[in-house]
Amino acid sequence: MSKFKTYSNLNLGPYPLDDGWIFLYKCYDKIIKPISILRFFIMSYFLPSDLELANNRKVYKILGVDKFGRYIPTGGISIRRITKAKMKPYTLKSSGTNSAREFFFRTIVFEFLHIPFLITMTILIIHHLSTGEYRFAMENLVINLLLNIMPILHHRNTRARIVEILKRKSS
């Protein structure tokens, strides 16, 4: 038995080819999939850890990710109720397992799109701190928190919820 955790028993199924992000899935298949060690590290990052799944995702509740998710402009429940927007990319198509699997991959894409901005903002924060511009460092930290860190945590929480659903359905 491998010491590394896998979710192969979840049967994530095929990529959701009609969701508009096919180029990323094809890139993953052509470049990353053949390099198994790189694929392992990438999937290790995107799959929820035991800590994330523990106690009904308590870590995310403590960090306020659930509350943040309600008001996130691109798909929060409260925002959708106010604007009556459907926001299809941020919504499950149905209550079935295939829809959950498809949304699992979509959250990976959404999180992946935040990572370059997270890194850029972190570099800016370090630069401002090193030059003594503490006010700018604090402003960038708040921006990074609201526009990158919290959305990334939101996507990770969503994937943890999906993993819980898929585990229940497979048992």
N, C-alpha and C. Protein backbone atom coordinates (compact mmCIF):
# COMPACT_ATOMS: atom_id res chain seq x y z
N MET A 1 0.83 -1.19 0.00
CA MET A 1 0.00 0.00 0.00
C MET A 1 0.87 1.25 0.00
N SER A 2 0.53 2.19 -0.83
CA SER A 2 1.31 3.41 -0.95
C SER A 2 1.06 4.33 0.24
N LYS A 3 2.10 5.04 0.64
CA LYS A 3 1.92 5.99 1.74
C LYS A 3 1.26 7.27 1.26
N PHE A 4 1.17 7.45 -0.06
CA PHE A 4 0.57 8.65 -0.60
C PHE A 4 -0.93 8.45 -0.78
N LYS A 5 -1.69 9.47 -0.45
CA LYS A 5 -3.15 9.40 -0.53
C LYS A 5 -3.60 9.62 -1.98
N THR A 6 -4.51 8.81 -2.43
CA THR A 6 -5.07 9.01 -3.76
C THR A 6 -6.58 9.00 -3.65
N TYR A 7 -7.21 9.56 -4.64
CA TYR A 7 -8.67 9.57 -4.69
C TYR A 7 -9.14 8.83 -5.93
N SER A 8 -8.36 7.84 -6.37
CA SER A 8 -8.75 7.11 -7.56
C SER A 8 -10.07 6.39 -7.34
N ASN A 9 -10.37 6.04 -6.09
CA ASN A 9 -11.64 5.35 -5.82
C ASN A 9 -12.84 6.29 -5.98
N LEU A 10 -12.58 7.59 -6.11
CA LEU A 10 -13.68 8.52 -6.31
C LEU A 10 -14.17 8.51 -7.74
N ASN A 11 -13.35 7.97 -8.64
CA ASN A 11 -13.72 7.92 -10.05
C ASN A 11 -14.15 9.29 -10.54
N LEU A 12 -13.18 10.19 -10.64
CA LEU A 12 -13.48 11.55 -11.07
C LEU A 12 -13.98 11.61 -12.50
N GLY A 13 -13.76 10.55 -13.26
CA GLY A 13 -14.33 10.49 -14.59
C GLY A 13 -13.59 11.36 -15.58
N PRO A 14 -14.17 11.51 -16.78
CA PRO A 14 -13.51 12.29 -17.83
C PRO A 14 -13.59 13.79 -17.55
N TYR A 15 -12.75 14.52 -18.22
CA TYR A 15 -12.78 15.98 -18.09
C TYR A 15 -14.09 16.51 -18.65
N PRO A 16 -14.59 17.61 -18.10
CA PRO A 16 -15.80 18.23 -18.65
C PRO A 16 -15.44 19.02 -19.90
N LEU A 17 -15.52 18.40 -21.05
CA LEU A 17 -15.02 18.99 -22.28
C LEU A 17 -15.83 20.17 -22.79
N ASP A 18 -17.04 20.34 -22.32
CA ASP A 18 -17.88 21.42 -22.84
C ASP A 18 -17.91 22.64 -21.92
N ASP A 19 -16.97 22.76 -21.00
CA ASP A 19 -17.04 23.87 -20.05
C ASP A 19 -16.19 25.07 -20.44
N GLY A 20 -15.56 25.04 -21.61
CA GLY A 20 -14.81 26.20 -22.08
C GLY A 20 -13.34 26.19 -21.70
N TRP A 21 -12.91 25.22 -20.93
CA TRP A 21 -11.51 25.18 -20.49
C TRP A 21 -10.77 23.98 -21.10
N ILE A 22 -11.23 23.50 -22.24
CA ILE A 22 -10.67 22.31 -22.86
C ILE A 22 -9.17 22.45 -23.13
N PHE A 23 -8.71 23.66 -23.45
CA PHE A 23 -7.29 23.85 -23.75
C PHE A 23 -6.42 23.51 -22.54
N LEU A 24 -6.89 23.80 -21.32
CA LEU A 24 -6.12 23.45 -20.13
C LEU A 24 -6.09 21.95 -19.92
N TYR A 25 -7.21 21.28 -20.14
CA TYR A 25 -7.25 19.83 -19.98
C TYR A 25 -6.34 19.14 -21.01
N LYS A 26 -6.36 19.64 -22.25
CA LYS A 26 -5.51 19.06 -23.29
C LYS A 26 -4.04 19.28 -22.95
N CYS A 27 -3.72 20.47 -22.47
CA CYS A 27 -2.35 20.78 -22.06
C CYS A 27 -1.92 19.82 -20.95
N TYR A 28 -2.78 19.61 -19.99
CA TYR A 28 -2.48 18.70 -18.89
C TYR A 28 -2.22 17.29 -19.41
N ASP A 29 -3.06 16.82 -20.34
CA ASP A 29 -2.90 15.47 -20.89
C ASP A 29 -1.61 15.32 -21.68
N LYS A 30 -1.25 16.34 -22.48
CA LYS A 30 -0.09 16.22 -23.36
C LYS A 30 1.23 16.46 -22.64
N ILE A 31 1.25 17.37 -21.70
CA ILE A 31 2.51 17.75 -21.07
C ILE A 31 2.70 17.09 -19.71
N ILE A 32 1.72 17.19 -18.86
CA ILE A 32 1.89 16.80 -17.47
C ILE A 32 1.64 15.32 -17.25
N LYS A 33 0.64 14.76 -17.90
CA LYS A 33 0.28 13.37 -17.64
C LYS A 33 1.44 12.40 -17.86
N PRO A 34 2.22 12.55 -18.95
CA PRO A 34 3.33 11.61 -19.14
C PRO A 34 4.41 11.70 -18.05
N ILE A 35 4.54 12.85 -17.43
CA ILE A 35 5.55 13.01 -16.38
C ILE A 35 4.86 12.70 -15.05
N SER A 36 4.87 11.44 -14.68
CA SER A 36 4.04 10.99 -13.56
C SER A 36 4.38 11.65 -12.23
N ILE A 37 5.64 11.96 -11.97
CA ILE A 37 5.99 12.57 -10.69
C ILE A 37 5.43 13.99 -10.62
N LEU A 38 5.48 14.73 -11.72
CA LEU A 38 4.91 16.07 -11.77
C LEU A 38 3.39 16.00 -11.60
N ARG A 39 2.79 15.02 -12.28
CA ARG A 39 1.34 14.83 -12.15
C ARG A 39 0.98 14.52 -10.70
N PHE A 40 1.78 13.71 -10.03
CA PHE A 40 1.53 13.36 -8.64
C PHE A 40 1.54 14.61 -7.75
N PHE A 41 2.53 15.48 -7.94
CA PHE A 41 2.62 16.68 -7.11
C PHE A 41 1.49 17.66 -7.41
N ILE A 42 1.11 17.78 -8.67
CA ILE A 42 0.01 18.67 -9.02
C ILE A 42 -1.29 18.16 -8.41
N MET A 43 -1.57 16.87 -8.57
CA MET A 43 -2.80 16.32 -8.00
C MET A 43 -2.75 16.34 -6.47
N SER A 44 -1.57 16.17 -5.88
CA SER A 44 -1.45 16.26 -4.42
C SER A 44 -1.83 17.65 -3.93
N TYR A 45 -1.49 18.66 -4.72
CA TYR A 45 -1.85 20.03 -4.32
C TYR A 45 -3.36 20.25 -4.44
N PHE A 46 -3.95 19.83 -5.54
CA PHE A 46 -5.35 20.15 -5.80
C PHE A 46 -6.34 19.25 -5.07
N LEU A 47 -5.94 18.05 -4.66
CA LEU A 47 -6.86 17.19 -3.92
C LEU A 47 -6.88 17.58 -2.46
N PRO A 48 -8.04 17.61 -1.82
CA PRO A 48 -8.13 18.01 -0.41
C PRO A 48 -7.33 17.07 0.50
N SER A 49 -6.67 17.67 1.48
CA SER A 49 -5.90 16.89 2.45
C SER A 49 -6.82 16.41 3.58
N ASP A 50 -6.28 15.56 4.44
CA ASP A 50 -7.05 15.10 5.59
C ASP A 50 -7.45 16.27 6.49
N LEU A 51 -6.56 17.24 6.65
CA LEU A 51 -6.86 18.41 7.47
C LEU A 51 -8.07 19.17 6.91
N GLU A 52 -8.10 19.30 5.59
CA GLU A 52 -9.21 20.02 4.96
C GLU A 52 -10.54 19.28 5.12
N LEU A 53 -10.48 17.96 5.16
CA LEU A 53 -11.70 17.16 5.25
C LEU A 53 -12.12 16.88 6.70
N ALA A 54 -11.23 17.13 7.64
CA ALA A 54 -11.49 16.78 9.05
C ALA A 54 -12.62 17.60 9.65
N ASN A 55 -13.39 16.95 10.51
CA ASN A 55 -14.46 17.61 11.27
C ASN A 55 -15.39 18.45 10.39
N ASN A 56 -15.82 17.87 9.29
CA ASN A 56 -16.76 18.54 8.40
C ASN A 56 -16.19 19.87 7.89
N ARG A 57 -14.90 19.86 7.49
CA ARG A 57 -14.21 21.02 6.92
C ARG A 57 -14.14 22.19 7.91
N LYS A 58 -13.90 21.87 9.16
CA LYS A 58 -13.88 22.88 10.23
C LYS A 58 -12.85 23.99 9.98
N VAL A 59 -11.72 23.63 9.40
CA VAL A 59 -10.67 24.63 9.16
C VAL A 59 -11.21 25.77 8.29
N TYR A 60 -12.05 25.47 7.31
CA TYR A 60 -12.60 26.50 6.45
C TYR A 60 -13.64 27.35 7.19
N LYS A 61 -14.36 26.73 8.07
CA LYS A 61 -15.35 27.48 8.87
C LYS A 61 -14.64 28.45 9.81
N ILE A 62 -13.54 28.00 10.42
CA ILE A 62 -12.77 28.86 11.32
C ILE A 62 -12.22 30.06 10.56
N LEU A 63 -11.76 29.83 9.33
CA LEU A 63 -11.18 30.90 8.52
C LEU A 63 -12.24 31.81 7.87
N GLY A 64 -13.52 31.46 8.00
CA GLY A 64 -14.59 32.28 7.45
C GLY A 64 -14.82 32.11 5.97
N VAL A 65 -14.34 31.01 5.41
CA VAL A 65 -14.46 30.78 3.98
C VAL A 65 -15.92 30.61 3.57
N ASP A 66 -16.72 29.94 4.38
CA ASP A 66 -18.14 29.76 4.06
C ASP A 66 -18.85 31.11 3.95
N LYS A 67 -18.59 31.99 4.89
CA LYS A 67 -19.22 33.32 4.85
C LYS A 67 -18.73 34.12 3.66
N PHE A 68 -17.43 34.05 3.39
CA PHE A 68 -16.88 34.74 2.22
C PHE A 68 -17.54 34.22 0.95
N GLY A 69 -17.75 32.91 0.87
CA GLY A 69 -18.35 32.30 -0.31
C GLY A 69 -19.76 32.77 -0.60
N ARG A 70 -20.46 33.19 0.42
CA ARG A 70 -21.83 33.69 0.21
C ARG A 70 -21.84 35.02 -0.54
N TYR A 71 -20.79 35.80 -0.37
CA TYR A 71 -20.78 37.17 -0.90
C TYR A 71 -19.79 37.37 -2.03
N ILE A 72 -19.13 36.31 -2.46
CA ILE A 72 -18.15 36.44 -3.54
C ILE A 72 -18.89 36.90 -4.80
N PRO A 73 -18.42 37.97 -5.43
CA PRO A 73 -19.16 38.57 -6.55
C PRO A 73 -19.39 37.65 -7.74
N THR A 74 -18.53 36.67 -7.94
CA THR A 74 -18.65 35.82 -9.12
C THR A 74 -19.49 34.58 -8.90
N GLY A 75 -20.19 34.47 -7.80
CA GLY A 75 -21.02 33.29 -7.65
C GLY A 75 -21.52 33.02 -6.26
N GLY A 76 -21.39 33.97 -5.37
CA GLY A 76 -21.90 33.78 -4.03
C GLY A 76 -23.41 33.67 -4.00
N ILE A 77 -23.92 32.83 -3.13
CA ILE A 77 -25.36 32.59 -3.03
C ILE A 77 -26.12 33.89 -2.82
N SER A 78 -25.68 34.69 -1.88
CA SER A 78 -26.39 35.95 -1.58
C SER A 78 -26.37 36.89 -2.78
N ILE A 79 -25.24 36.98 -3.45
CA ILE A 79 -25.13 37.86 -4.62
C ILE A 79 -26.04 37.35 -5.73
N ARG A 80 -26.09 36.03 -5.94
CA ARG A 80 -26.96 35.50 -6.98
C ARG A 80 -28.43 35.74 -6.68
N ARG A 81 -28.80 35.68 -5.41
CA ARG A 81 -30.20 35.94 -5.04
C ARG A 81 -30.56 37.40 -5.29
N ILE A 82 -29.65 38.29 -4.98
CA ILE A 82 -29.91 39.72 -5.18
C ILE A 82 -29.99 40.06 -6.66
N THR A 83 -29.02 39.57 -7.44
CA THR A 83 -28.95 39.91 -8.86
C THR A 83 -29.79 39.00 -9.75
N LYS A 84 -30.27 37.89 -9.19
CA LYS A 84 -31.03 36.88 -9.93
C LYS A 84 -30.24 36.33 -11.12
N ALA A 85 -28.92 36.35 -11.00
CA ALA A 85 -28.04 35.84 -12.07
C ALA A 85 -27.90 34.33 -11.94
N LYS A 86 -27.79 33.67 -13.07
CA LYS A 86 -27.62 32.21 -13.09
C LYS A 86 -26.16 31.82 -12.86
N MET A 87 -25.24 32.57 -13.46
CA MET A 87 -23.80 32.32 -13.32
C MET A 87 -23.47 30.85 -13.51
N LYS A 88 -23.77 30.33 -14.69
CA LYS A 88 -23.64 28.90 -14.98
C LYS A 88 -22.26 28.31 -14.69
N PRO A 89 -21.16 29.02 -14.99
CA PRO A 89 -19.86 28.39 -14.69
C PRO A 89 -19.66 28.09 -13.21
N TYR A 90 -20.36 28.79 -12.35
CA TYR A 90 -20.18 28.62 -10.91
C TYR A 90 -21.30 27.81 -10.26
N THR A 91 -22.06 27.10 -11.07
CA THR A 91 -23.20 26.36 -10.57
C THR A 91 -23.17 24.92 -11.08
N LEU A 92 -23.57 24.00 -10.22
CA LEU A 92 -23.70 22.61 -10.65
C LEU A 92 -24.82 22.51 -11.68
N LYS A 93 -24.61 21.69 -12.70
CA LYS A 93 -25.64 21.53 -13.73
C LYS A 93 -26.83 20.72 -13.22
N SER A 94 -26.53 19.75 -12.35
CA SER A 94 -27.59 18.91 -11.78
C SER A 94 -27.10 18.37 -10.45
N SER A 95 -27.90 17.56 -9.82
CA SER A 95 -27.51 17.00 -8.52
C SER A 95 -26.80 15.65 -8.66
N GLY A 96 -26.49 15.26 -9.89
CA GLY A 96 -25.88 13.96 -10.13
C GLY A 96 -24.38 13.92 -9.87
N THR A 97 -23.85 12.71 -9.85
CA THR A 97 -22.43 12.50 -9.61
C THR A 97 -21.58 13.07 -10.73
N ASN A 98 -22.02 12.92 -11.97
CA ASN A 98 -21.24 13.46 -13.10
C ASN A 98 -21.12 14.97 -13.01
N SER A 99 -22.17 15.63 -12.60
CA SER A 99 -22.11 17.08 -12.43
C SER A 99 -21.13 17.47 -11.34
N ALA A 100 -21.10 16.71 -10.26
CA ALA A 100 -20.14 16.98 -9.18
C ALA A 100 -18.71 16.78 -9.66
N ARG A 101 -18.47 15.72 -10.43
CA ARG A 101 -17.13 15.47 -10.97
C ARG A 101 -16.70 16.61 -11.89
N GLU A 102 -17.62 17.04 -12.74
CA GLU A 102 -17.32 18.14 -13.66
C GLU A 102 -16.98 19.40 -12.89
N PHE A 103 -17.74 19.69 -11.85
CA PHE A 103 -17.49 20.90 -11.06
C PHE A 103 -16.17 20.80 -10.31
N PHE A 104 -15.78 19.58 -9.91
CA PHE A 104 -14.49 19.36 -9.26
C PHE A 104 -13.37 19.90 -10.14
N PHE A 105 -13.37 19.52 -11.42
CA PHE A 105 -12.34 19.99 -12.35
C PHE A 105 -12.44 21.50 -12.58
N ARG A 106 -13.65 22.02 -12.63
CA ARG A 106 -13.83 23.44 -12.86
C ARG A 106 -13.24 24.25 -11.70
N THR A 107 -13.37 23.77 -10.47
CA THR A 107 -12.79 24.50 -9.34
C THR A 107 -11.27 24.49 -9.41
N ILE A 108 -10.69 23.43 -9.97
CA ILE A 108 -9.24 23.40 -10.16
C ILE A 108 -8.83 24.50 -11.14
N VAL A 109 -9.57 24.64 -12.22
CA VAL A 109 -9.27 25.69 -13.20
C VAL A 109 -9.40 27.06 -12.56
N PHE A 110 -10.48 27.29 -11.82
CA PHE A 110 -10.69 28.59 -11.18
C PHE A 110 -9.54 28.91 -10.22
N GLU A 111 -9.14 27.92 -9.43
CA GLU A 111 -8.04 28.14 -8.49
C GLU A 111 -6.74 28.39 -9.24
N PHE A 112 -6.49 27.61 -10.27
CA PHE A 112 -5.28 27.75 -11.07
C PHE A 112 -5.15 29.17 -11.63
N LEU A 113 -6.27 29.78 -12.00
CA LEU A 113 -6.24 31.14 -12.56
C LEU A 113 -5.88 32.19 -11.51
N HIS A 114 -6.08 31.91 -10.23
CA HIS A 114 -5.72 32.86 -9.17
C HIS A 114 -4.23 32.78 -8.80
N ILE A 115 -3.60 31.66 -9.05
CA ILE A 115 -2.23 31.43 -8.57
C ILE A 115 -1.21 32.44 -9.12
N PRO A 116 -1.20 32.75 -10.44
CA PRO A 116 -0.21 33.75 -10.91
C PRO A 116 -0.39 35.11 -10.25
N PHE A 117 -1.62 35.51 -10.01
CA PHE A 117 -1.87 36.80 -9.36
C PHE A 117 -1.45 36.76 -7.90
N LEU A 118 -1.67 35.63 -7.25
CA LEU A 118 -1.24 35.45 -5.86
C LEU A 118 0.28 35.61 -5.76
N ILE A 119 0.98 34.96 -6.66
CA ILE A 119 2.45 35.03 -6.64
C ILE A 119 2.92 36.45 -6.93
N THR A 120 2.33 37.10 -7.92
CA THR A 120 2.70 38.48 -8.26
C THR A 120 2.46 39.42 -7.09
N MET A 121 1.30 39.32 -6.46
CA MET A 121 1.00 40.19 -5.32
C MET A 121 1.92 39.90 -4.14
N THR A 122 2.27 38.65 -3.93
CA THR A 122 3.19 38.30 -2.85
C THR A 122 4.56 38.91 -3.09
N ILE A 123 5.03 38.88 -4.33
CA ILE A 123 6.31 39.51 -4.67
C ILE A 123 6.25 41.01 -4.42
N LEU A 124 5.13 41.64 -4.79
CA LEU A 124 4.96 43.08 -4.53
C LEU A 124 4.97 43.38 -3.04
N ILE A 125 4.32 42.56 -2.26
CA ILE A 125 4.29 42.75 -0.81
C ILE A 125 5.71 42.66 -0.24
N ILE A 126 6.46 41.66 -0.66
CA ILE A 126 7.84 41.50 -0.19
C ILE A 126 8.68 42.71 -0.60
N HIS A 127 8.50 43.17 -1.84
CA HIS A 127 9.24 44.35 -2.31
C HIS A 127 8.92 45.57 -1.45
N HIS A 128 7.63 45.81 -1.20
CA HIS A 128 7.24 46.98 -0.39
C HIS A 128 7.78 46.87 1.04
N LEU A 129 7.77 45.67 1.59
CA LEU A 129 8.32 45.50 2.94
C LEU A 129 9.82 45.76 2.96
N SER A 130 10.52 45.29 1.93
CA SER A 130 11.98 45.45 1.90
C SER A 130 12.40 46.90 1.67
N THR A 131 11.53 47.70 1.04
CA THR A 131 11.85 49.11 0.80
C THR A 131 11.24 50.02 1.87
N GLY A 132 10.61 49.43 2.86
CA GLY A 132 10.05 50.22 3.95
C GLY A 132 8.72 50.88 3.65
N GLU A 133 8.08 50.48 2.57
CA GLU A 133 6.77 51.05 2.19
C GLU A 133 5.66 50.19 2.81
N TYR A 134 5.51 50.32 4.12
CA TYR A 134 4.61 49.44 4.86
C TYR A 134 3.14 49.67 4.52
N ARG A 135 2.78 50.89 4.21
CA ARG A 135 1.39 51.17 3.85
C ARG A 135 1.01 50.44 2.56
N PHE A 136 1.90 50.50 1.55
CA PHE A 136 1.63 49.80 0.29
C PHE A 136 1.63 48.29 0.50
N ALA A 137 2.53 47.80 1.35
CA ALA A 137 2.57 46.37 1.64
C ALA A 137 1.25 45.93 2.26
N MET A 138 0.72 46.72 3.18
CA MET A 138 -0.55 46.39 3.83
C MET A 138 -1.71 46.44 2.83
N GLU A 139 -1.72 47.45 1.98
CA GLU A 139 -2.77 47.54 0.96
C GLU A 139 -2.73 46.32 0.04
N ASN A 140 -1.53 45.95 -0.41
CA ASN A 140 -1.40 44.79 -1.28
C ASN A 140 -1.77 43.50 -0.57
N LEU A 141 -1.48 43.42 0.71
CA LEU A 141 -1.85 42.24 1.48
C LEU A 141 -3.37 42.09 1.55
N VAL A 142 -4.06 43.20 1.81
CA VAL A 142 -5.53 43.16 1.87
C VAL A 142 -6.11 42.79 0.50
N ILE A 143 -5.57 43.38 -0.56
CA ILE A 143 -6.04 43.05 -1.91
C ILE A 143 -5.79 41.58 -2.21
N ASN A 144 -4.60 41.10 -1.88
CA ASN A 144 -4.26 39.70 -2.12
C ASN A 144 -5.18 38.77 -1.33
N LEU A 145 -5.48 39.14 -0.11
CA LEU A 145 -6.36 38.34 0.72
C LEU A 145 -7.75 38.24 0.10
N LEU A 146 -8.29 39.37 -0.33
CA LEU A 146 -9.65 39.39 -0.86
C LEU A 146 -9.77 38.83 -2.28
N LEU A 147 -8.76 39.08 -3.11
CA LEU A 147 -8.87 38.70 -4.52
C LEU A 147 -8.19 37.39 -4.88
N ASN A 148 -7.34 36.88 -4.01
CA ASN A 148 -6.64 35.64 -4.34
C ASN A 148 -6.72 34.58 -3.25
N ILE A 149 -6.33 34.92 -2.04
CA ILE A 149 -6.25 33.91 -0.98
C ILE A 149 -7.63 33.37 -0.63
N MET A 150 -8.58 34.25 -0.35
CA MET A 150 -9.92 33.78 0.02
C MET A 150 -10.61 33.03 -1.13
N PRO A 151 -10.52 33.52 -2.38
CA PRO A 151 -11.11 32.72 -3.46
C PRO A 151 -10.44 31.35 -3.62
N ILE A 152 -9.13 31.27 -3.45
CA ILE A 152 -8.46 29.97 -3.53
C ILE A 152 -8.97 29.05 -2.41
N LEU A 153 -9.08 29.58 -1.21
CA LEU A 153 -9.61 28.78 -0.10
C LEU A 153 -11.06 28.37 -0.37
N HIS A 154 -11.82 29.27 -0.99
CA HIS A 154 -13.21 28.96 -1.35
C HIS A 154 -13.26 27.78 -2.33
N HIS A 155 -12.39 27.79 -3.34
CA HIS A 155 -12.37 26.69 -4.31
C HIS A 155 -11.91 25.39 -3.65
N ARG A 156 -10.95 25.48 -2.75
CA ARG A 156 -10.48 24.29 -2.04
C ARG A 156 -11.60 23.72 -1.16
N ASN A 157 -12.35 24.60 -0.51
CA ASN A 157 -13.49 24.16 0.31
C ASN A 157 -14.54 23.48 -0.56
N THR A 158 -14.80 24.05 -1.73
CA THR A 158 -15.78 23.45 -2.64
C THR A 158 -15.32 22.06 -3.07
N ARG A 159 -14.03 21.91 -3.40
CA ARG A 159 -13.53 20.58 -3.77
C ARG A 159 -13.64 19.60 -2.61
N ALA A 160 -13.37 20.06 -1.40
CA ALA A 160 -13.52 19.18 -0.23
C ALA A 160 -14.97 18.72 -0.09
N ARG A 161 -15.91 19.63 -0.33
CA ARG A 161 -17.33 19.26 -0.28
C ARG A 161 -17.65 18.22 -1.35
N ILE A 162 -17.10 18.42 -2.55
CA ILE A 162 -17.35 17.49 -3.65
C ILE A 162 -16.77 16.11 -3.33
N VAL A 163 -15.56 16.08 -2.77
CA VAL A 163 -14.94 14.81 -2.39
C VAL A 163 -15.80 14.08 -1.38
N GLU A 164 -16.34 14.81 -0.40
CA GLU A 164 -17.23 14.19 0.58
C GLU A 164 -18.46 13.58 -0.10
N ILE A 165 -19.03 14.31 -1.04
CA ILE A 165 -20.21 13.81 -1.76
C ILE A 165 -19.85 12.56 -2.55
N LEU A 166 -18.74 12.60 -3.29
CA LEU A 166 -18.34 11.46 -4.11
C LEU A 166 -18.00 10.24 -3.25
N LYS A 167 -17.39 10.48 -2.09
CA LYS A 167 -17.11 9.35 -1.18
C LYS A 167 -18.41 8.70 -0.71
N ARG A 168 -19.39 9.54 -0.34
CA ARG A 168 -20.68 9.00 0.12
C ARG A 168 -21.36 8.22 -0.98
N LYS A 169 -21.33 8.73 -2.20
CA LYS A 169 -22.01 8.07 -3.32
C LYS A 169 -21.33 6.77 -3.71
N SER A 170 -19.97 6.70 -3.51
CA SER A 170 -19.26 5.49 -3.93
C SER A 170 -19.33 4.39 -2.86
N SER A 171 -19.75 4.74 -1.63
CA SER A 171 -19.82 3.69 -0.61
C SER A 171 -21.20 3.09 -0.49
